[in-house]
């Protein structure tokens, strides 16, 4: 296995995370690449839902405060 010592510049190549563009052609992706994209999109959906829940809670708290 290669180590950072084997690289004369001290840098190992970093595998770039696949990016998914909505509507992009899926014809060239393998089944494993599709599975990876599905996983990434599910993680992003969960992140978006958490952000939405935080904002909704903040909005409800503000509405309750100013409702008095």
PDB file of N, CA and C in Angstrom:
ATOM      1  N   UNK A   1       0.844  -1.189   0.000  1.00  0.00           N
ATOM      2  CA  UNK A   1       0.000   0.000   0.000  1.00  0.00           C
ATOM      3  C   UNK A   1       0.879   1.237   0.000  1.00  0.00           C
ATOM      4  N   UNK A   2       0.505   2.214  -0.760  1.00  0.00           N
ATOM      5  CA  UNK A   2       1.285   3.443  -0.861  1.00  0.00           C
ATOM      6  C   UNK A   2       1.071   4.296   0.382  1.00  0.00           C
ATOM      7  N   UNK A   3       2.112   4.983   0.744  1.00  0.00           N
ATOM      8  CA  UNK A   3       2.012   5.899   1.875  1.00  0.00           C
ATOM      9  C   UNK A   3       2.364   7.300   1.405  1.00  0.00           C
ATOM     10  N   UNK A   4       2.134   8.250   2.277  1.00  0.00           N
ATOM     11  CA  UNK A   4       2.458   9.640   1.939  1.00  0.00           C
ATOM     12  C   UNK A   4       3.949   9.791   1.654  1.00  0.00           C
ATOM     13  N   UNK A   5       4.779   8.885   2.234  1.00  0.00           N
ATOM     14  CA  UNK A   5       6.218   8.940   2.008  1.00  0.00           C
ATOM     15  C   UNK A   5       6.568   8.574   0.570  1.00  0.00           C
ATOM     16  N   UNK A   6       5.707   7.810  -0.107  1.00  0.00           N
ATOM     17  CA  UNK A   6       5.963   7.410  -1.484  1.00  0.00           C
ATOM     18  C   UNK A   6       5.692   8.547  -2.460  1.00  0.00           C
ATOM     19  N   UNK A   7       4.963   9.536  -2.037  1.00  0.00           N
ATOM     20  CA  UNK A   7       4.597  10.660  -2.889  1.00  0.00           C
ATOM     21  C   UNK A   7       5.628  11.769  -2.700  1.00  0.00           C
ATOM     22  N   UNK A   8       6.350  12.138  -3.763  1.00  0.00           N
ATOM     23  CA  UNK A   8       7.397  13.153  -3.597  1.00  0.00           C
ATOM     24  C   UNK A   8       6.864  14.515  -3.160  1.00  0.00           C
ATOM     25  N   UNK A   9       5.594  14.778  -3.370  1.00  0.00           N
ATOM     26  CA  UNK A   9       5.025  16.052  -2.969  1.00  0.00           C
ATOM     27  C   UNK A   9       4.309  15.973  -1.630  1.00  0.00           C
ATOM     28  N   UNK A  10       4.249  14.775  -1.043  1.00  0.00           N
ATOM     29  CA  UNK A  10       3.606  14.613   0.253  1.00  0.00           C
ATOM     30  C   UNK A  10       2.087  14.618   0.184  1.00  0.00           C
ATOM     31  N   UNK A  11       1.541  14.475  -0.995  1.00  0.00           N
ATOM     32  CA  UNK A  11       0.089  14.489  -1.162  1.00  0.00           C
ATOM     33  C   UNK A  11      -0.366  13.214  -1.861  1.00  0.00           C
ATOM     34  N   UNK A  12      -1.392  12.622  -1.320  1.00  0.00           N
ATOM     35  CA  UNK A  12      -1.995  11.456  -1.967  1.00  0.00           C
ATOM     36  C   UNK A  12      -3.217  11.957  -2.730  1.00  0.00           C
ATOM     37  N   UNK A  13      -3.497  11.376  -3.868  1.00  0.00           N
ATOM     38  CA  UNK A  13      -4.693  11.809  -4.604  1.00  0.00           C
ATOM     39  C   UNK A  13      -5.947  11.542  -3.791  1.00  0.00           C
ATOM     40  N   UNK A  14      -6.829  12.500  -3.806  1.00  0.00           N
ATOM     41  CA  UNK A  14      -8.081  12.387  -3.069  1.00  0.00           C
ATOM     42  C   UNK A  14      -9.170  12.007  -4.058  1.00  0.00           C
ATOM     43  N   UNK A  15      -9.922  10.961  -3.714  1.00  0.00           N
ATOM     44  CA  UNK A  15     -11.018  10.552  -4.580  1.00  0.00           C
ATOM     45  C   UNK A  15     -12.125  11.595  -4.467  1.00  0.00           C
ATOM     46  N   UNK A  16     -12.488  12.152  -5.601  1.00  0.00           N
ATOM     47  CA  UNK A  16     -13.518  13.186  -5.632  1.00  0.00           C
ATOM     48  C   UNK A  16     -14.883  12.541  -5.434  1.00  0.00           C
ATOM     49  N   UNK A  17     -15.688  13.141  -4.545  1.00  0.00           N
ATOM     50  CA  UNK A  17     -17.050  12.666  -4.349  1.00  0.00           C
ATOM     51  C   UNK A  17     -17.844  12.909  -5.617  1.00  0.00           C
ATOM     52  N   UNK A  18     -18.646  11.949  -6.005  1.00  0.00           N
ATOM     53  CA  UNK A  18     -19.460  12.192  -7.189  1.00  0.00           C
ATOM     54  C   UNK A  18     -20.472  13.288  -6.922  1.00  0.00           C
ATOM     55  N   UNK A  19     -20.696  14.082  -7.912  1.00  0.00           N
ATOM     56  CA  UNK A  19     -21.699  15.134  -7.803  1.00  0.00           C
ATOM     57  C   UNK A  19     -22.878  14.723  -8.666  1.00  0.00           C
ATOM     58  N   UNK A  20     -24.047  15.066  -8.212  1.00  0.00           N
ATOM     59  CA  UNK A  20     -25.228  14.735  -8.979  1.00  0.00           C
ATOM     60  C   UNK A  20     -25.933  16.014  -9.371  1.00  0.00           C
ATOM     61  N   UNK A  21     -26.213  16.110 -10.636  1.00  0.00           N
ATOM     62  CA  UNK A  21     -26.948  17.256 -11.145  1.00  0.00           C
ATOM     63  C   UNK A  21     -28.361  16.780 -11.488  1.00  0.00           C
ATOM     64  N   UNK A  22     -29.349  17.469 -10.958  1.00  0.00           N
ATOM     65  CA  UNK A  22     -30.733  17.107 -11.218  1.00  0.00           C
ATOM     66  C   UNK A  22     -30.971  17.100 -12.727  1.00  0.00           C
ATOM     67  N   UNK A  23     -31.524  16.008 -13.229  1.00  0.00           N
ATOM     68  CA  UNK A  23     -31.852  15.894 -14.643  1.00  0.00           C
ATOM     69  C   UNK A  23     -30.725  15.387 -15.524  1.00  0.00           C
ATOM     70  N   UNK A  24     -29.559  15.126 -14.940  1.00  0.00           N
ATOM     71  CA  UNK A  24     -28.447  14.665 -15.759  1.00  0.00           C
ATOM     72  C   UNK A  24     -28.741  13.277 -16.318  1.00  0.00           C
ATOM     73  N   UNK A  25     -28.096  12.931 -17.411  1.00  0.00           N
ATOM     74  CA  UNK A  25     -28.255  11.618 -18.021  1.00  0.00           C
ATOM     75  C   UNK A  25     -27.695  10.556 -17.076  1.00  0.00           C
ATOM     76  N   UNK A  26     -28.431   9.488 -16.917  1.00  0.00           N
ATOM     77  CA  UNK A  26     -28.006   8.391 -16.037  1.00  0.00           C
ATOM     78  C   UNK A  26     -27.502   7.197 -16.831  1.00  0.00           C
ATOM     79  N   UNK A  27     -27.497   7.308 -18.144  1.00  0.00           N
ATOM     80  CA  UNK A  27     -27.152   6.193 -19.025  1.00  0.00           C
ATOM     81  C   UNK A  27     -25.727   5.679 -18.830  1.00  0.00           C
ATOM     82  N   UNK A  28     -24.817   6.534 -18.461  1.00  0.00           N
ATOM     83  CA  UNK A  28     -23.413   6.126 -18.376  1.00  0.00           C
ATOM     84  C   UNK A  28     -23.023   5.636 -16.975  1.00  0.00           C
ATOM     85  N   UNK A  29     -23.934   5.710 -16.010  1.00  0.00           N
ATOM     86  CA  UNK A  29     -23.608   5.302 -14.639  1.00  0.00           C
ATOM     87  C   UNK A  29     -23.865   3.818 -14.448  1.00  0.00           C
ATOM     88  N   UNK A  30     -22.973   3.174 -13.706  1.00  0.00           N
ATOM     89  CA  UNK A  30     -23.148   1.757 -13.383  1.00  0.00           C
ATOM     90  C   UNK A  30     -24.152   1.618 -12.243  1.00  0.00           C
ATOM     91  N   UNK A  31     -24.541   0.380 -11.962  1.00  0.00           N
ATOM     92  CA  UNK A  31     -25.477   0.122 -10.873  1.00  0.00           C
ATOM     93  C   UNK A  31     -24.878   0.594  -9.553  1.00  0.00           C
ATOM     94  N   UNK A  32     -23.603   0.330  -9.316  1.00  0.00           N
ATOM     95  CA  UNK A  32     -22.979   0.757  -8.057  1.00  0.00           C
ATOM     96  C   UNK A  32     -22.887   2.277  -7.978  1.00  0.00           C
ATOM     97  N   UNK A  33     -22.644   2.932  -9.112  1.00  0.00           N
ATOM     98  CA  UNK A  33     -22.614   4.395  -9.113  1.00  0.00           C
ATOM     99  C   UNK A  33     -24.005   4.960  -8.838  1.00  0.00           C
ATOM    100  N   UNK A  34     -25.033   4.334  -9.393  1.00  0.00           N
ATOM    101  CA  UNK A  34     -26.403   4.762  -9.111  1.00  0.00           C
ATOM    102  C   UNK A  34     -26.722   4.579  -7.635  1.00  0.00           C
ATOM    103  N   UNK A  35     -26.311   3.443  -7.060  1.00  0.00           N
ATOM    104  CA  UNK A  35     -26.538   3.206  -5.629  1.00  0.00           C
ATOM    105  C   UNK A  35     -25.842   4.261  -4.786  1.00  0.00           C
ATOM    106  N   UNK A  36     -24.630   4.629  -5.190  1.00  0.00           N
ATOM    107  CA  UNK A  36     -23.877   5.650  -4.453  1.00  0.00           C
ATOM    108  C   UNK A  36     -24.593   7.000  -4.536  1.00  0.00           C
ATOM    109  N   UNK A  37     -25.092   7.350  -5.715  1.00  0.00           N
ATOM    110  CA  UNK A  37     -25.827   8.607  -5.880  1.00  0.00           C
ATOM    111  C   UNK A  37     -27.103   8.603  -5.043  1.00  0.00           C
ATOM    112  N   UNK A  38     -27.809   7.477  -5.042  1.00  0.00           N
ATOM    113  CA  UNK A  38     -29.031   7.367  -4.244  1.00  0.00           C
ATOM    114  C   UNK A  38     -28.715   7.600  -2.773  1.00  0.00           C
ATOM    115  N   UNK A  39     -27.636   7.000  -2.287  1.00  0.00           N
ATOM    116  CA  UNK A  39     -27.221   7.206  -0.900  1.00  0.00           C
ATOM    117  C   UNK A  39     -26.907   8.657  -0.608  1.00  0.00           C
ATOM    118  N   UNK A  40     -26.162   9.294  -1.514  1.00  0.00           N
ATOM    119  CA  UNK A  40     -25.814  10.706  -1.328  1.00  0.00           C
ATOM    120  C   UNK A  40     -27.068  11.578  -1.303  1.00  0.00           C
ATOM    121  N   UNK A  41     -27.997  11.293  -2.201  1.00  0.00           N
ATOM    122  CA  UNK A  41     -29.225  12.090  -2.251  1.00  0.00           C
ATOM    123  C   UNK A  41     -30.089  11.860  -1.016  1.00  0.00           C
ATOM    124  N   UNK A  42     -30.125  10.636  -0.507  1.00  0.00           N
ATOM    125  CA  UNK A  42     -30.880  10.368   0.726  1.00  0.00           C
ATOM    126  C   UNK A  42     -30.285  11.134   1.901  1.00  0.00           C
ATOM    127  N   UNK A  43     -28.945  11.167   1.976  1.00  0.00           N
ATOM    128  CA  UNK A  43     -28.281  11.931   3.033  1.00  0.00           C
ATOM    129  C   UNK A  43     -28.606  13.418   2.903  1.00  0.00           C
ATOM    130  N   UNK A  44     -28.623  13.910   1.680  1.00  0.00           N
ATOM    131  CA  UNK A  44     -28.927  15.325   1.460  1.00  0.00           C
ATOM    132  C   UNK A  44     -30.378  15.628   1.816  1.00  0.00           C
ATOM    133  N   UNK A  45     -31.291  14.726   1.483  1.00  0.00           N
ATOM    134  CA  UNK A  45     -32.697  14.918   1.850  1.00  0.00           C
ATOM    135  C   UNK A  45     -32.833  14.979   3.367  1.00  0.00           C
ATOM    136  N   UNK A  46     -32.158  14.087   4.080  1.00  0.00           N
ATOM    137  CA  UNK A  46     -32.209  14.100   5.541  1.00  0.00           C
ATOM    138  C   UNK A  46     -31.660  15.415   6.093  1.00  0.00           C
ATOM    139  N   UNK A  47     -30.586  15.910   5.506  1.00  0.00           N
ATOM    140  CA  UNK A  47     -29.991  17.176   5.938  1.00  0.00           C
ATOM    141  C   UNK A  47     -30.957  18.336   5.697  1.00  0.00           C
ATOM    142  N   UNK A  48     -31.614  18.322   4.550  1.00  0.00           N
ATOM    143  CA  UNK A  48     -32.593  19.369   4.232  1.00  0.00           C
ATOM    144  C   UNK A  48     -33.790  19.313   5.176  1.00  0.00           C
ATOM    145  N   UNK A  49     -34.250  18.111   5.489  1.00  0.00           N
ATOM    146  CA  UNK A  49     -35.380  17.964   6.406  1.00  0.00           C
ATOM    147  C   UNK A  49     -35.027  18.451   7.807  1.00  0.00           C
ATOM    148  N   UNK A  50     -33.795  18.196   8.247  1.00  0.00           N
ATOM    149  CA  UNK A  50     -33.364  18.675   9.561  1.00  0.00           C
ATOM    150  C   UNK A  50     -33.305  20.199   9.582  1.00  0.00           C
ATOM    151  N   UNK A  51     -32.778  20.791   8.523  1.00  0.00           N
ATOM    152  CA  UNK A  51     -32.707  22.253   8.455  1.00  0.00           C
ATOM    153  C   UNK A  51     -34.105  22.850   8.441  1.00  0.00           C
ATOM    154  N   UNK A  52     -35.007  22.224   7.699  1.00  0.00           N
ATOM    155  CA  UNK A  52     -36.380  22.709   7.642  1.00  0.00           C
ATOM    156  C   UNK A  52     -37.041  22.628   9.008  1.00  0.00           C
ATOM    157  N   UNK A  53     -36.830  21.522   9.726  1.00  0.00           N
ATOM    158  CA  UNK A  53     -37.422  21.345  11.059  1.00  0.00           C
ATOM    159  C   UNK A  53     -36.898  22.414  12.021  1.00  0.00           C
ATOM    160  N   UNK A  54     -35.602  22.718  11.953  1.00  0.00           N
ATOM    161  CA  UNK A  54     -35.033  23.764  12.818  1.00  0.00           C
ATOM    162  C   UNK A  54     -35.656  25.123  12.501  1.00  0.00           C
ATOM    163  N   UNK A  55     -35.791  25.421  11.238  1.00  0.00           N
ATOM    164  CA  UNK A  55     -36.368  26.711  10.849  1.00  0.00           C
ATOM    165  C   UNK A  55     -37.842  26.790  11.228  1.00  0.00           C
ATOM    166  N   UNK A  56     -38.558  25.699  11.075  1.00  0.00           N
ATOM    167  CA  UNK A  56     -39.976  25.670  11.444  1.00  0.00           C
ATOM    168  C   UNK A  56     -40.131  25.868  12.947  1.00  0.00           C
ATOM    169  N   UNK A  57     -39.270  25.227  13.749  1.00  0.00           N
ATOM    170  CA  UNK A  57     -39.323  25.379  15.204  1.00  0.00           C
ATOM    171  C   UNK A  57     -39.023  26.824  15.596  1.00  0.00           C
ATOM    172  N   UNK A  58     -38.043  27.431  14.924  1.00  0.00           N
ATOM    173  CA  UNK A  58     -37.699  28.820  15.211  1.00  0.00           C
ATOM    174  C   UNK A  58     -38.857  29.745  14.855  1.00  0.00           C
ATOM    175  N   UNK A  59     -39.471  29.496  13.718  1.00  0.00           N
ATOM    176  CA  UNK A  59     -40.620  30.307  13.284  1.00  0.00           C
ATOM    177  C   UNK A  59     -41.781  30.159  14.263  1.00  0.00           C
ATOM    178  N   UNK A  60     -42.048  28.937  14.712  1.00  0.00           N
ATOM    179  CA  UNK A  60     -43.152  28.701  15.668  1.00  0.00           C
ATOM    180  C   UNK A  60     -42.870  29.367  17.012  1.00  0.00           C
ATOM    181  N   UNK A  61     -41.615  29.332  17.445  1.00  0.00           N
ATOM    182  CA  UNK A  61     -41.259  29.974  18.706  1.00  0.00           C
ATOM    183  C   UNK A  61     -41.455  31.490  18.610  1.00  0.00           C
ATOM    184  N   UNK A  62     -41.045  32.052  17.495  1.00  0.00           N
ATOM    185  CA  UNK A  62     -41.214  33.503  17.304  1.00  0.00           C
ATOM    186  C   UNK A  62     -42.698  33.853  17.245  1.00  0.00           C
ATOM    187  N   UNK A  63     -43.488  33.043  16.563  1.00  0.00           N
ATOM    188  CA  UNK A  63     -44.926  33.311  16.459  1.00  0.00           C
ATOM    189  C   UNK A  63     -45.588  33.228  17.820  1.00  0.00           C
ATOM    190  N   UNK A  64     -45.174  32.264  18.635  1.00  0.00           N
ATOM    191  CA  UNK A  64     -45.741  32.119  19.973  1.00  0.00           C
ATOM    192  C   UNK A  64     -45.338  33.295  20.853  1.00  0.00           C
ATOM    193  N   UNK A  65     -44.130  33.788  20.716  1.00  0.00           N
ATOM    194  CA  UNK A  65     -43.637  34.907  21.520  1.00  0.00           C
ATOM    195  C   UNK A  65     -44.416  36.181  21.198  1.00  0.00           C
ATOM    196  N   UNK A  66     -44.621  36.441  19.921  1.00  0.00           N
ATOM    197  CA  UNK A  66     -45.253  37.683  19.518  1.00  0.00           C
ATOM    198  C   UNK A  66     -46.789  37.597  19.494  1.00  0.00           C
ATOM    199  N   UNK A  67     -47.330  36.433  19.791  1.00  0.00           N
ATOM    200  CA  UNK A  67     -48.763  36.254  19.768  1.00  0.00           C
ATOM    201  C   UNK A  67     -49.446  36.852  20.981  1.00  0.00           C
ATOM    202  N   UNK A  68     -48.719  37.089  22.043  1.00  0.00           N
ATOM    203  CA  UNK A  68     -49.302  37.576  23.305  1.00  0.00           C
ATOM    204  C   UNK A  68     -50.009  38.864  23.204  1.00  0.00           C
TER     205      UNK A  68
END
